[in-house]
Amino acid sequence: QARFFQLSVASATGRQVFLDSDHLVNLDDLFDVVRSRTEILVCLLTCNMLRRPYCAGEVVVMHQAAQKAFAVKSANFVPPSAAELDDLDSYLQAGDVGLAALGVTTPLMAAAFA
């Protein structure tokens, strides 16, 4: 889905479209790209998108930078419940994988997801 979406947007706009899954080697570098070189973050909200630590981190980075972002919700997307927002460490797949060391804390995630 994401690759098709990326190629469709690039074709329609003639602009460069960055797909995060192509650049997952270093989260700090990924977050820097999102923070400093991304004009608009488009979140393709699938059933597990917000559960992925790097995706959660990108949402937080854009939220903190007050950058433009919008969501495209797939039919299978279900937002985190209040209970899940209260326990984001369990909600995330594979835990937070060191997100706090990069400035992405669970309170910031809860605020960005709200």
PDB file of N, CA and C in Angstrom:
ATOM      1  N   GLN A   1       0.808  -1.192   0.000  1.00  0.00           N
ATOM      2  CA  GLN A   1       0.000   0.000   0.000  1.00  0.00           C
ATOM      3  C   GLN A   1       0.855   1.262   0.000  1.00  0.00           C
ATOM      4  N   ALA A   2       1.854   1.285   0.868  1.00  0.00           N
ATOM      5  CA  ALA A   2       2.669   2.491   1.011  1.00  0.00           C
ATOM      6  C   ALA A   2       3.444   2.795  -0.269  1.00  0.00           C
ATOM      7  N   ARG A   3       3.998   1.777  -0.893  1.00  0.00           N
ATOM      8  CA  ARG A   3       4.767   1.995  -2.128  1.00  0.00           C
ATOM      9  C   ARG A   3       3.853   2.520  -3.237  1.00  0.00           C
ATOM     10  N   PHE A   4       2.683   1.931  -3.371  1.00  0.00           N
ATOM     11  CA  PHE A   4       1.727   2.399  -4.374  1.00  0.00           C
ATOM     12  C   PHE A   4       1.344   3.852  -4.100  1.00  0.00           C
ATOM     13  N   PHE A   5       1.082   4.164  -2.844  1.00  0.00           N
ATOM     14  CA  PHE A   5       0.717   5.525  -2.449  1.00  0.00           C
ATOM     15  C   PHE A   5       1.855   6.492  -2.779  1.00  0.00           C
ATOM     16  N   GLN A   6       3.084   6.099  -2.436  1.00  0.00           N
ATOM     17  CA  GLN A   6       4.259   6.935  -2.716  1.00  0.00           C
ATOM     18  C   GLN A   6       4.374   7.231  -4.207  1.00  0.00           C
ATOM     19  N   LEU A   7       4.311   6.200  -5.015  1.00  0.00           N
ATOM     20  CA  LEU A   7       4.464   6.375  -6.460  1.00  0.00           C
ATOM     21  C   LEU A   7       3.316   7.190  -7.055  1.00  0.00           C
ATOM     22  N   SER A   8       2.114   6.993  -6.555  1.00  0.00           N
ATOM     23  CA  SER A   8       0.952   7.743  -7.041  1.00  0.00           C
ATOM     24  C   SER A   8       1.076   9.231  -6.729  1.00  0.00           C
ATOM     25  N   VAL A   9       1.480   9.553  -5.502  1.00  0.00           N
ATOM     26  CA  VAL A   9       1.633  10.959  -5.109  1.00  0.00           C
ATOM     27  C   VAL A   9       2.766  11.606  -5.902  1.00  0.00           C
ATOM     28  N   ALA A  10       3.873  10.902  -6.048  1.00  0.00           N
ATOM     29  CA  ALA A  10       5.003  11.444  -6.813  1.00  0.00           C
ATOM     30  C   ALA A  10       4.605  11.700  -8.264  1.00  0.00           C
ATOM     31  N   SER A  11       3.873  10.774  -8.846  1.00  0.00           N
ATOM     32  CA  SER A  11       3.437  10.926 -10.232  1.00  0.00           C
ATOM     33  C   SER A  11       2.458  12.088 -10.385  1.00  0.00           C
ATOM     34  N   ALA A  12       1.537  12.217  -9.452  1.00  0.00           N
ATOM     35  CA  ALA A  12       0.516  13.267  -9.537  1.00  0.00           C
ATOM     36  C   ALA A  12       1.073  14.661  -9.269  1.00  0.00           C
ATOM     37  N   THR A  13       2.091  14.749  -8.417  1.00  0.00           N
ATOM     38  CA  THR A  13       2.595  16.065  -8.007  1.00  0.00           C
ATOM     39  C   THR A  13       3.915  16.450  -8.663  1.00  0.00           C
ATOM     40  N   GLY A  14       4.642  15.466  -9.169  1.00  0.00           N
ATOM     41  CA  GLY A  14       5.964  15.740  -9.716  1.00  0.00           C
ATOM     42  C   GLY A  14       6.990  16.057  -8.646  1.00  0.00           C
ATOM     43  N   ARG A  15       6.661  15.755  -7.398  1.00  0.00           N
ATOM     44  CA  ARG A  15       7.553  16.062  -6.278  1.00  0.00           C
ATOM     45  C   ARG A  15       8.174  14.786  -5.731  1.00  0.00           C
ATOM     46  N   GLN A  16       9.274  14.972  -5.031  1.00  0.00           N
ATOM     47  CA  GLN A  16       9.951  13.850  -4.395  1.00  0.00           C
ATOM     48  C   GLN A  16       9.128  13.404  -3.190  1.00  0.00           C
ATOM     49  N   VAL A  17       8.921  12.104  -3.064  1.00  0.00           N
ATOM     50  CA  VAL A  17       8.154  11.544  -1.957  1.00  0.00           C
ATOM     51  C   VAL A  17       9.039  10.544  -1.228  1.00  0.00           C
ATOM     52  N   PHE A  18       9.290  10.814   0.034  1.00  0.00           N
ATOM     53  CA  PHE A  18      10.166  10.001   0.880  1.00  0.00           C
ATOM     54  C   PHE A  18       9.330   8.914   1.543  1.00  0.00           C
ATOM     55  N   LEU A  19       9.766   7.678   1.425  1.00  0.00           N
ATOM     56  CA  LEU A  19       9.095   6.556   2.079  1.00  0.00           C
ATOM     57  C   LEU A  19      10.003   6.055   3.184  1.00  0.00           C
ATOM     58  N   ASP A  20       9.545   6.181   4.417  1.00  0.00           N
ATOM     59  CA  ASP A  20      10.401   5.883   5.566  1.00  0.00           C
ATOM     60  C   ASP A  20      10.947   4.465   5.570  1.00  0.00           C
ATOM     61  N   SER A  21      10.188   3.508   5.088  1.00  0.00           N
ATOM     62  CA  SER A  21      10.654   2.121   5.143  1.00  0.00           C
ATOM     63  C   SER A  21      11.875   1.871   4.265  1.00  0.00           C
ATOM     64  N   ASP A  22      12.209   2.814   3.412  1.00  0.00           N
ATOM     65  CA  ASP A  22      13.436   2.710   2.615  1.00  0.00           C
ATOM     66  C   ASP A  22      14.662   3.168   3.396  1.00  0.00           C
ATOM     67  N   HIS A  23      14.454   3.732   4.594  1.00  0.00           N
ATOM     68  CA  HIS A  23      15.543   4.375   5.337  1.00  0.00           C
ATOM     69  C   HIS A  23      15.496   4.036   6.826  1.00  0.00           C
ATOM     70  N   LEU A  24      15.452   2.757   7.162  1.00  0.00           N
ATOM     71  CA  LEU A  24      15.300   2.362   8.560  1.00  0.00           C
ATOM     72  C   LEU A  24      16.595   1.945   9.231  1.00  0.00           C
ATOM     73  N   VAL A  25      17.720   2.336   8.694  1.00  0.00           N
ATOM     74  CA  VAL A  25      19.003   1.932   9.256  1.00  0.00           C
ATOM     75  C   VAL A  25      19.271   2.619  10.589  1.00  0.00           C
ATOM     76  N   ASN A  26      18.983   3.900  10.678  1.00  0.00           N
ATOM     77  CA  ASN A  26      19.294   4.672  11.877  1.00  0.00           C
ATOM     78  C   ASN A  26      18.107   5.572  12.212  1.00  0.00           C
ATOM     79  N   LEU A  27      17.453   5.298  13.352  1.00  0.00           N
ATOM     80  CA  LEU A  27      16.273   6.081  13.726  1.00  0.00           C
ATOM     81  C   LEU A  27      16.581   7.553  13.926  1.00  0.00           C
ATOM     82  N   ASP A  28      17.736   7.861  14.480  1.00  0.00           N
ATOM     83  CA  ASP A  28      18.095   9.259  14.700  1.00  0.00           C
ATOM     84  C   ASP A  28      18.165  10.006  13.370  1.00  0.00           C
ATOM     85  N   ASP A  29      18.776   9.376  12.354  1.00  0.00           N
ATOM     86  CA  ASP A  29      18.840   9.988  11.023  1.00  0.00           C
ATOM     87  C   ASP A  29      17.448  10.117  10.413  1.00  0.00           C
ATOM     88  N   LEU A  30      16.633   9.076  10.581  1.00  0.00           N
ATOM     89  CA  LEU A  30      15.270   9.112  10.057  1.00  0.00           C
ATOM     90  C   LEU A  30      14.488  10.264  10.676  1.00  0.00           C
ATOM     91  N   PHE A  31      14.572  10.406  11.988  1.00  0.00           N
ATOM     92  CA  PHE A  31      13.850  11.487  12.664  1.00  0.00           C
ATOM     93  C   PHE A  31      14.380  12.853  12.240  1.00  0.00           C
ATOM     94  N   ASP A  32      15.679  12.940  11.961  1.00  0.00           N
ATOM     95  CA  ASP A  32      16.243  14.207  11.492  1.00  0.00           C
ATOM     96  C   ASP A  32      15.693  14.574  10.117  1.00  0.00           C
ATOM     97  N   VAL A  33      15.561  13.591   9.244  1.00  0.00           N
ATOM     98  CA  VAL A  33      14.973  13.837   7.921  1.00  0.00           C
ATOM     99  C   VAL A  33      13.538  14.330   8.086  1.00  0.00           C
ATOM    100  N   VAL A  34      12.787  13.669   8.944  1.00  0.00           N
ATOM    101  CA  VAL A  34      11.397  14.066   9.174  1.00  0.00           C
ATOM    102  C   VAL A  34      11.338  15.481   9.750  1.00  0.00           C
ATOM    103  N   ARG A  35      12.196  15.773  10.695  1.00  0.00           N
ATOM    104  CA  ARG A  35      12.199  17.067  11.392  1.00  0.00           C
ATOM    105  C   ARG A  35      12.639  18.217  10.482  1.00  0.00           C
ATOM    106  N   SER A  36      13.674  17.990   9.675  1.00  0.00           N
ATOM    107  CA  SER A  36      14.297  19.115   8.977  1.00  0.00           C
ATOM    108  C   SER A  36      14.120  19.135   7.461  1.00  0.00           C
ATOM    109  N   ARG A  37      13.695  18.021   6.876  1.00  0.00           N
ATOM    110  CA  ARG A  37      13.617  18.002   5.414  1.00  0.00           C
ATOM    111  C   ARG A  37      12.262  17.543   4.889  1.00  0.00           C
ATOM    112  N   THR A  38      11.283  17.487   5.770  1.00  0.00           N
ATOM    113  CA  THR A  38       9.954  17.050   5.363  1.00  0.00           C
ATOM    114  C   THR A  38       8.994  18.225   5.438  1.00  0.00           C
ATOM    115  N   GLU A  39       8.344  18.516   4.331  1.00  0.00           N
ATOM    116  CA  GLU A  39       7.388  19.623   4.316  1.00  0.00           C
ATOM    117  C   GLU A  39       6.033  19.192   4.864  1.00  0.00           C
ATOM    118  N   ILE A  40       5.590  18.022   4.454  1.00  0.00           N
ATOM    119  CA  ILE A  40       4.292  17.507   4.882  1.00  0.00           C
ATOM    120  C   ILE A  40       4.447  16.019   5.167  1.00  0.00           C
ATOM    121  N   LEU A  41       3.997  15.595   6.343  1.00  0.00           N
ATOM    122  CA  LEU A  41       4.004  14.176   6.687  1.00  0.00           C
ATOM    123  C   LEU A  41       2.627  13.616   6.379  1.00  0.00           C
ATOM    124  N   VAL A  42       2.593  12.579   5.570  1.00  0.00           N
ATOM    125  CA  VAL A  42       1.348  11.887   5.278  1.00  0.00           C
ATOM    126  C   VAL A  42       1.426  10.536   5.966  1.00  0.00           C
ATOM    127  N   CYS A  43       0.530  10.314   6.896  1.00  0.00           N
ATOM    128  CA  CYS A  43       0.494   9.045   7.618  1.00  0.00           C
ATOM    129  C   CYS A  43      -0.543   8.149   6.967  1.00  0.00           C
ATOM    130  N   LEU A  44      -0.097   7.049   6.413  1.00  0.00           N
ATOM    131  CA  LEU A  44      -1.005   6.054   5.859  1.00  0.00           C
ATOM    132  C   LEU A  44      -1.375   5.136   7.016  1.00  0.00           C
ATOM    133  N   LEU A  45      -2.500   5.434   7.644  1.00  0.00           N
ATOM    134  CA  LEU A  45      -2.893   4.726   8.862  1.00  0.00           C
ATOM    135  C   LEU A  45      -3.493   3.371   8.526  1.00  0.00           C
ATOM    136  N   THR A  46      -2.683   2.342   8.715  1.00  0.00           N
ATOM    137  CA  THR A  46      -3.128   0.963   8.572  1.00  0.00           C
ATOM    138  C   THR A  46      -3.338   0.402   9.974  1.00  0.00           C
ATOM    139  N   CYS A  47      -3.719  -0.849  10.066  1.00  0.00           N
ATOM    140  CA  CYS A  47      -4.039  -1.420  11.377  1.00  0.00           C
ATOM    141  C   CYS A  47      -2.861  -1.391  12.349  1.00  0.00           C
ATOM    142  N   ASN A  48      -1.630  -1.420  11.857  1.00  0.00           N
ATOM    143  CA  ASN A  48      -0.475  -1.471  12.754  1.00  0.00           C
ATOM    144  C   ASN A  48       0.467  -0.280  12.654  1.00  0.00           C
ATOM    145  N   MET A  49       0.145   0.714  11.868  1.00  0.00           N
ATOM    146  CA  MET A  49       1.084   1.816  11.634  1.00  0.00           C
ATOM    147  C   MET A  49       1.543   2.470  12.926  1.00  0.00           C
ATOM    148  N   LEU A  50       0.629   2.857  13.799  1.00  0.00           N
ATOM    149  CA  LEU A  50       1.015   3.546  15.032  1.00  0.00           C
ATOM    150  C   LEU A  50       1.693   2.624  16.037  1.00  0.00           C
ATOM    151  N   ARG A  51       1.616   1.318  15.818  1.00  0.00           N
ATOM    152  CA  ARG A  51       2.278   0.355  16.711  1.00  0.00           C
ATOM    153  C   ARG A  51       3.769   0.210  16.389  1.00  0.00           C
ATOM    154  N   ARG A  52       4.181   0.662  15.221  1.00  0.00           N
ATOM    155  CA  ARG A  52       5.593   0.558  14.834  1.00  0.00           C
ATOM    156  C   ARG A  52       6.365   1.697  15.482  1.00  0.00           C
ATOM    157  N   PRO A  53       7.405   1.368  16.241  1.00  0.00           N
ATOM    158  CA  PRO A  53       8.139   2.417  16.963  1.00  0.00           C
ATOM    159  C   PRO A  53       8.640   3.547  16.076  1.00  0.00           C
ATOM    160  N   TYR A  54       9.186   3.228  14.902  1.00  0.00           N
ATOM    161  CA  TYR A  54       9.716   4.305  14.065  1.00  0.00           C
ATOM    162  C   TYR A  54       8.587   5.194  13.538  1.00  0.00           C
ATOM    163  N   CYS A  55       7.431   4.617  13.255  1.00  0.00           N
ATOM    164  CA  CYS A  55       6.289   5.429  12.806  1.00  0.00           C
ATOM    165  C   CYS A  55       5.788   6.322  13.936  1.00  0.00           C
ATOM    166  N   ALA A  56       5.691   5.745  15.130  1.00  0.00           N
ATOM    167  CA  ALA A  56       5.275   6.538  16.291  1.00  0.00           C
ATOM    168  C   ALA A  56       6.237   7.698  16.499  1.00  0.00           C
ATOM    169  N   GLY A  57       7.516   7.428  16.356  1.00  0.00           N
ATOM    170  CA  GLY A  57       8.522   8.476  16.508  1.00  0.00           C
ATOM    171  C   GLY A  57       8.380   9.577  15.474  1.00  0.00           C
ATOM    172  N   GLU A  58       8.097   9.212  14.236  1.00  0.00           N
ATOM    173  CA  GLU A  58       7.916  10.218  13.187  1.00  0.00           C
ATOM    174  C   GLU A  58       6.726  11.123  13.488  1.00  0.00           C
ATOM    175  N   VAL A  59       5.642  10.536  13.965  1.00  0.00           N
ATOM    176  CA  VAL A  59       4.452  11.320  14.307  1.00  0.00           C
ATOM    177  C   VAL A  59       4.783  12.301  15.428  1.00  0.00           C
ATOM    178  N   VAL A  60       5.527  11.836  16.432  1.00  0.00           N
ATOM    179  CA  VAL A  60       5.919  12.713  17.546  1.00  0.00           C
ATOM    180  C   VAL A  60       6.813  13.844  17.055  1.00  0.00           C
ATOM    181  N   VAL A  61       7.793  13.523  16.225  1.00  0.00           N
ATOM    182  CA  VAL A  61       8.723  14.542  15.716  1.00  0.00           C
ATOM    183  C   VAL A  61       7.962  15.630  14.962  1.00  0.00           C
ATOM    184  N   MET A  62       7.051  15.250  14.096  1.00  0.00           N
ATOM    185  CA  MET A  62       6.279  16.242  13.343  1.00  0.00           C
ATOM    186  C   MET A  62       5.360  17.036  14.268  1.00  0.00           C
ATOM    187  N   HIS A  63       4.767  16.368  15.238  1.00  0.00           N
ATOM    188  CA  HIS A  63       3.877  17.048  16.188  1.00  0.00           C
ATOM    189  C   HIS A  63       4.653  18.087  16.984  1.00  0.00           C
ATOM    190  N   GLN A  64       5.828  17.721  17.463  1.00  0.00           N
ATOM    191  CA  GLN A  64       6.640  18.656  18.243  1.00  0.00           C
ATOM    192  C   GLN A  64       7.135  19.829  17.400  1.00  0.00           C
ATOM    193  N   ALA A  65       7.421  19.572  16.144  1.00  0.00           N
ATOM    194  CA  ALA A  65       7.909  20.629  15.261  1.00  0.00           C
ATOM    195  C   ALA A  65       6.765  21.480  14.702  1.00  0.00           C
ATOM    196  N   ALA A  66       5.538  21.097  15.040  1.00  0.00           N
ATOM    197  CA  ALA A  66       4.342  21.794  14.547  1.00  0.00           C
ATOM    198  C   ALA A  66       4.347  21.883  13.023  1.00  0.00           C
ATOM    199  N   GLN A  67       4.797  20.805  12.390  1.00  0.00           N
ATOM    200  CA  GLN A  67       4.829  20.730  10.938  1.00  0.00           C
ATOM    201  C   GLN A  67       3.482  20.243  10.415  1.00  0.00           C
ATOM    202  N   LYS A  68       3.262  20.449   9.138  1.00  0.00           N
ATOM    203  CA  LYS A  68       2.031  19.984   8.509  1.00  0.00           C
ATOM    204  C   LYS A  68       2.032  18.465   8.437  1.00  0.00           C
ATOM    205  N   ALA A  69       0.893  17.901   8.784  1.00  0.00           N
ATOM    206  CA  ALA A  69       0.729  16.454   8.692  1.00  0.00           C
ATOM    207  C   ALA A  69      -0.745  16.159   8.480  1.00  0.00           C
ATOM    208  N   PHE A  70      -1.007  15.091   7.770  1.00  0.00           N
ATOM    209  CA  PHE A  70      -2.384  14.638   7.680  1.00  0.00           C
ATOM    210  C   PHE A  70      -2.399  13.132   7.538  1.00  0.00           C
ATOM    211  N   ALA A  71      -3.563  12.565   7.782  1.00  0.00           N
ATOM    212  CA  ALA A  71      -3.699  11.116   7.808  1.00  0.00           C
ATOM    213  C   ALA A  71      -4.598  10.639   6.680  1.00  0.00           C
ATOM    214  N   VAL A  72      -4.221   9.503   6.128  1.00  0.00           N
ATOM    215  CA  VAL A  72      -5.056   8.771   5.189  1.00  0.00           C
ATOM    216  C   VAL A  72      -5.366   7.461   5.897  1.00  0.00           C
ATOM    217  N   LYS A  73      -6.625   7.278   6.260  1.00  0.00           N
ATOM    218  CA  LYS A  73      -7.010   6.102   7.047  1.00  0.00           C
ATOM    219  C   LYS A  73      -7.446   4.966   6.133  1.00  0.00           C
ATOM    220  N   SER A  74      -6.811   3.807   6.330  1.00  0.00           N
ATOM    221  CA  SER A  74      -7.240   2.621   5.604  1.00  0.00           C
ATOM    222  C   SER A  74      -8.477   2.053   6.305  1.00  0.00           C
ATOM    223  N   ALA A  75      -9.180   1.186   5.617  1.00  0.00           N
ATOM    224  CA  ALA A  75     -10.417   0.623   6.167  1.00  0.00           C
ATOM    225  C   ALA A  75     -10.175  -0.177   7.440  1.00  0.00           C
ATOM    226  N   ASN A  76      -8.972  -0.723   7.608  1.00  0.00           N
ATOM    227  CA  ASN A  76      -8.700  -1.559   8.781  1.00  0.00           C
ATOM    228  C   ASN A  76      -8.063  -0.799   9.942  1.00  0.00           C
ATOM    229  N   PHE A  77      -7.937   0.523   9.835  1.00  0.00           N
ATOM    230  CA  PHE A  77      -7.329   1.294  10.922  1.00  0.00           C
ATOM    231  C   PHE A  77      -8.283   1.427  12.097  1.00  0.00           C
ATOM    232  N   VAL A  78      -7.737   1.149  13.283  1.00  0.00           N
ATOM    233  CA  VAL A  78      -8.461   1.361  14.537  1.00  0.00           C
ATOM    234  C   VAL A  78      -7.539   2.189  15.423  1.00  0.00           C
ATOM    235  N   PRO A  79      -7.970   3.381  15.848  1.00  0.00           N
ATOM    236  CA  PRO A  79      -7.098   4.204  16.694  1.00  0.00           C
ATOM    237  C   PRO A  79      -6.877   3.542  18.045  1.00  0.00           C
ATOM    238  N   PRO A  80      -5.774   3.870  18.700  1.00  0.00           N
ATOM    239  CA  PRO A  80      -5.538   3.292  20.026  1.00  0.00           C
ATOM    240  C   PRO A  80      -6.626   3.732  20.999  1.00  0.00           C
ATOM    241  N   SER A  81      -7.021   2.800  21.840  1.00  0.00           N
ATOM    242  CA  SER A  81      -8.034   3.094  22.856  1.00  0.00           C
ATOM    243  C   SER A  81      -7.405   3.908  23.980  1.00  0.00           C
ATOM    244  N   ALA A  82      -8.231   4.411  24.866  1.00  0.00           N
ATOM    245  CA  ALA A  82      -7.727   5.157  26.027  1.00  0.00           C
ATOM    246  C   ALA A  82      -6.805   4.276  26.858  1.00  0.00           C
ATOM    247  N   ALA A  83      -7.168   3.007  27.027  1.00  0.00           N
ATOM    248  CA  ALA A  83      -6.327   2.079  27.797  1.00  0.00           C
ATOM    249  C   ALA A  83      -4.987   1.868  27.103  1.00  0.00           C
ATOM    250  N   GLU A  84      -4.995   1.764  25.779  1.00  0.00           N
ATOM    251  CA  GLU A  84      -3.743   1.586  25.036  1.00  0.00           C
ATOM    252  C   GLU A  84      -2.882   2.846  25.111  1.00  0.00           C
ATOM    253  N   LEU A  85      -3.504   4.014  25.079  1.00  0.00           N
ATOM    254  CA  LEU A  85      -2.745   5.258  25.224  1.00  0.00           C
ATOM    255  C   LEU A  85      -2.118   5.367  26.605  1.00  0.00           C
ATOM    256  N   ASP A  86      -2.769   4.774  27.600  1.00  0.00           N
ATOM    257  CA  ASP A  86      -2.222   4.786  28.961  1.00  0.00           C
ATOM    258  C   ASP A  86      -1.056   3.822  29.122  1.00  0.00           C
ATOM    259  N   ASP A  87      -0.921   2.854  28.220  1.00  0.00           N
ATOM    260  CA  ASP A  87       0.147   1.853  28.307  1.00  0.00           C
ATOM    261  C   ASP A  87       0.809   1.690  26.936  1.00  0.00           C
ATOM    262  N   LEU A  88       1.402   2.763  26.445  1.00  0.00           N
ATOM    263  CA  LEU A  88       1.988   2.747  25.104  1.00  0.00           C
ATOM    264  C   LEU A  88       3.167   1.796  24.965  1.00  0.00           C
ATOM    265  N   ASP A  89       3.871   1.520  26.062  1.00  0.00           N
ATOM    266  CA  ASP A  89       4.984   0.567  25.971  1.00  0.00           C
ATOM    267  C   ASP A  89       4.480  -0.803  25.537  1.00  0.00           C
ATOM    268  N   SER A  90       3.301  -1.189  26.001  1.00  0.00           N
ATOM    269  CA  SER A  90       2.714  -2.464  25.586  1.00  0.00           C
ATOM    270  C   SER A  90       2.074  -2.362  24.205  1.00  0.00           C
ATOM    271  N   TYR A  91       1.565  -1.197  23.883  1.00  0.00           N
ATOM    272  CA  TYR A  91       0.896  -0.979  22.597  1.00  0.00           C
ATOM    273  C   TYR A  91       1.883  -1.096  21.431  1.00  0.00           C
ATOM    274  N   LEU A  92       3.098  -0.571  21.615  1.00  0.00           N
ATOM    275  CA  LEU A  92       4.091  -0.596  20.539  1.00  0.00           C
ATOM    276  C   LEU A  92       4.602  -2.003  20.288  1.00  0.00           C
ATOM    277  N   GLN A  93       4.778  -2.346  19.024  1.00  0.00           N
ATOM    278  CA  GLN A  93       5.406  -3.616  18.679  1.00  0.00           C
ATOM    279  C   GLN A  93       6.873  -3.542  19.073  1.00  0.00           C
ATOM    280  N   ALA A  94       7.368  -4.536  19.741  1.00  0.00           N
ATOM    281  CA  ALA A  94       8.783  -4.616  20.146  1.00  0.00           C
ATOM    282  C   ALA A  94       9.161  -3.538  21.151  1.00  0.00           C
ATOM    283  N   GLY A  95       8.210  -3.015  21.897  1.00  0.00           N
ATOM    284  CA  GLY A  95       8.518  -1.984  22.888  1.00  0.00           C
ATOM    285  C   GLY A  95       8.941  -0.695  22.224  1.00  0.00           C
ATOM    286  N   ASP A  96       9.609   0.155  22.971  1.00  0.00           N
ATOM    287  CA  ASP A  96       9.962   1.466  22.406  1.00  0.00           C
ATOM    288  C   ASP A  96      11.329   1.491  21.732  1.00  0.00           C
ATOM    289  N   VAL A  97      12.066   0.401  21.732  1.00  0.00           N
ATOM    290  CA  VAL A  97      13.377   0.251  21.078  1.00  0.00           C
ATOM    291  C   VAL A  97      14.275   1.483  21.205  1.00  0.00           C
ATOM    292  N   GLY A  98      14.296   2.066  22.375  1.00  0.00           N
ATOM    293  CA  GLY A  98      15.190   3.189  22.618  1.00  0.00           C
ATOM    294  C   GLY A  98      14.674   4.536  22.154  1.00  0.00           C
ATOM    295  N   LEU A  99      13.381   4.645  21.947  1.00  0.00           N
ATOM    296  CA  LEU A  99      12.825   5.917  21.476  1.00  0.00           C
ATOM    297  C   LEU A  99      13.060   7.053  22.461  1.00  0.00           C
ATOM    298  N   ALA A 100      12.981   6.756  23.760  1.00  0.00           N
ATOM    299  CA  ALA A 100      13.150   7.812  24.771  1.00  0.00           C
ATOM    300  C   ALA A 100      14.525   8.470  24.656  1.00  0.00           C
ATOM    301  N   ALA A 101      15.538   7.687  24.311  1.00  0.00           N
ATOM    302  CA  ALA A 101      16.886   8.246  24.150  1.00  0.00           C
ATOM    303  C   ALA A 101      16.948   9.235  22.984  1.00  0.00           C
ATOM    304  N   LEU A 102      15.980   9.134  22.074  1.00  0.00           N
ATOM    305  CA  LEU A 102      15.912  10.039  20.927  1.00  0.00           C
ATOM    306  C   LEU A 102      14.894  11.157  21.156  1.00  0.00           C
ATOM    307  N   GLY A 103      14.399  11.258  22.390  1.00  0.00           N
ATOM    308  CA  GLY A 103      13.462  12.324  22.732  1.00  0.00           C
ATOM    309  C   GLY A 103      12.009  11.999  22.473  1.00  0.00           C
ATOM    310  N   VAL A 104      11.725  10.739  22.178  1.00  0.00           N
ATOM    311  CA  VAL A 104      10.351  10.324  21.910  1.00  0.00           C
ATOM    312  C   VAL A 104       9.860   9.522  23.113  1.00  0.00           C
ATOM    313  N   THR A 105       9.117  10.182  23.973  1.00  0.00           N
ATOM    314  CA  THR A 105       8.631   9.555  25.204  1.00  0.00           C
ATOM    315  C   THR A 105       7.164   9.172  25.063  1.00  0.00           C
ATOM    316  N   THR A 106       6.698   8.314  25.963  1.00  0.00           N
ATOM    317  CA  THR A 106       5.299   7.898  25.889  1.00  0.00           C
ATOM    318  C   THR A 106       4.330   9.062  26.103  1.00  0.00           C
ATOM    319  N   PRO A 107       4.603  10.038  26.989  1.00  0.00           N
ATOM    320  CA  PRO A 107       3.671  11.176  27.068  1.00  0.00           C
ATOM    321  C   PRO A 107       3.604  11.974  25.756  1.00  0.00           C
ATOM    322  N   LEU A 108       4.738  12.104  25.075  1.00  0.00           N
ATOM    323  CA  LEU A 108       4.734  12.805  23.786  1.00  0.00           C
ATOM    324  C   LEU A 108       3.967  12.013  22.727  1.00  0.00           C
ATOM    325  N   MET A 109       4.093  10.680  22.768  1.00  0.00           N
ATOM    326  CA  MET A 109       3.325   9.846  21.840  1.00  0.00           C
ATOM    327  C   MET A 109       1.839   9.999  22.096  1.00  0.00           C
ATOM    328  N   ALA A 110       1.439   9.940  23.370  1.00  0.00           N
ATOM    329  CA  ALA A 110       0.020  10.070  23.708  1.00  0.00           C
ATOM    330  C   ALA A 110      -0.526  11.408  23.213  1.00  0.00           C
ATOM    331  N   ALA A 111       0.240  12.473  23.374  1.00  0.00           N
ATOM    332  CA  ALA A 111      -0.193  13.798  22.913  1.00  0.00           C
ATOM    333  C   ALA A 111      -0.293  13.848  21.389  1.00  0.00           C
ATOM    334  N   ALA A 112       0.671  13.250  20.711  1.00  0.00           N
ATOM    335  CA  ALA A 112       0.679  13.273  19.247  1.00  0.00           C
ATOM    336  C   ALA A 112      -0.417  12.392  18.661  1.00  0.00           C
ATOM    337  N   PHE A 113      -0.749  11.296  19.344  1.00  0.00           N
ATOM    338  CA  PHE A 113      -1.771  10.377  18.853  1.00  0.00           C
ATOM    339  C   PHE A 113      -3.182  10.889  19.121  1.00  0.00           C
ATOM    340  N   ALA A 114      -3.315  11.819  20.057  1.00  0.00           N
ATOM    341  CA  ALA A 114      -4.658  12.272  20.472  1.00  0.00           C
ATOM    342  C   ALA A 114      -5.338  13.079  19.393  1.00  0.00           C
TER     343      ALA A 114
END
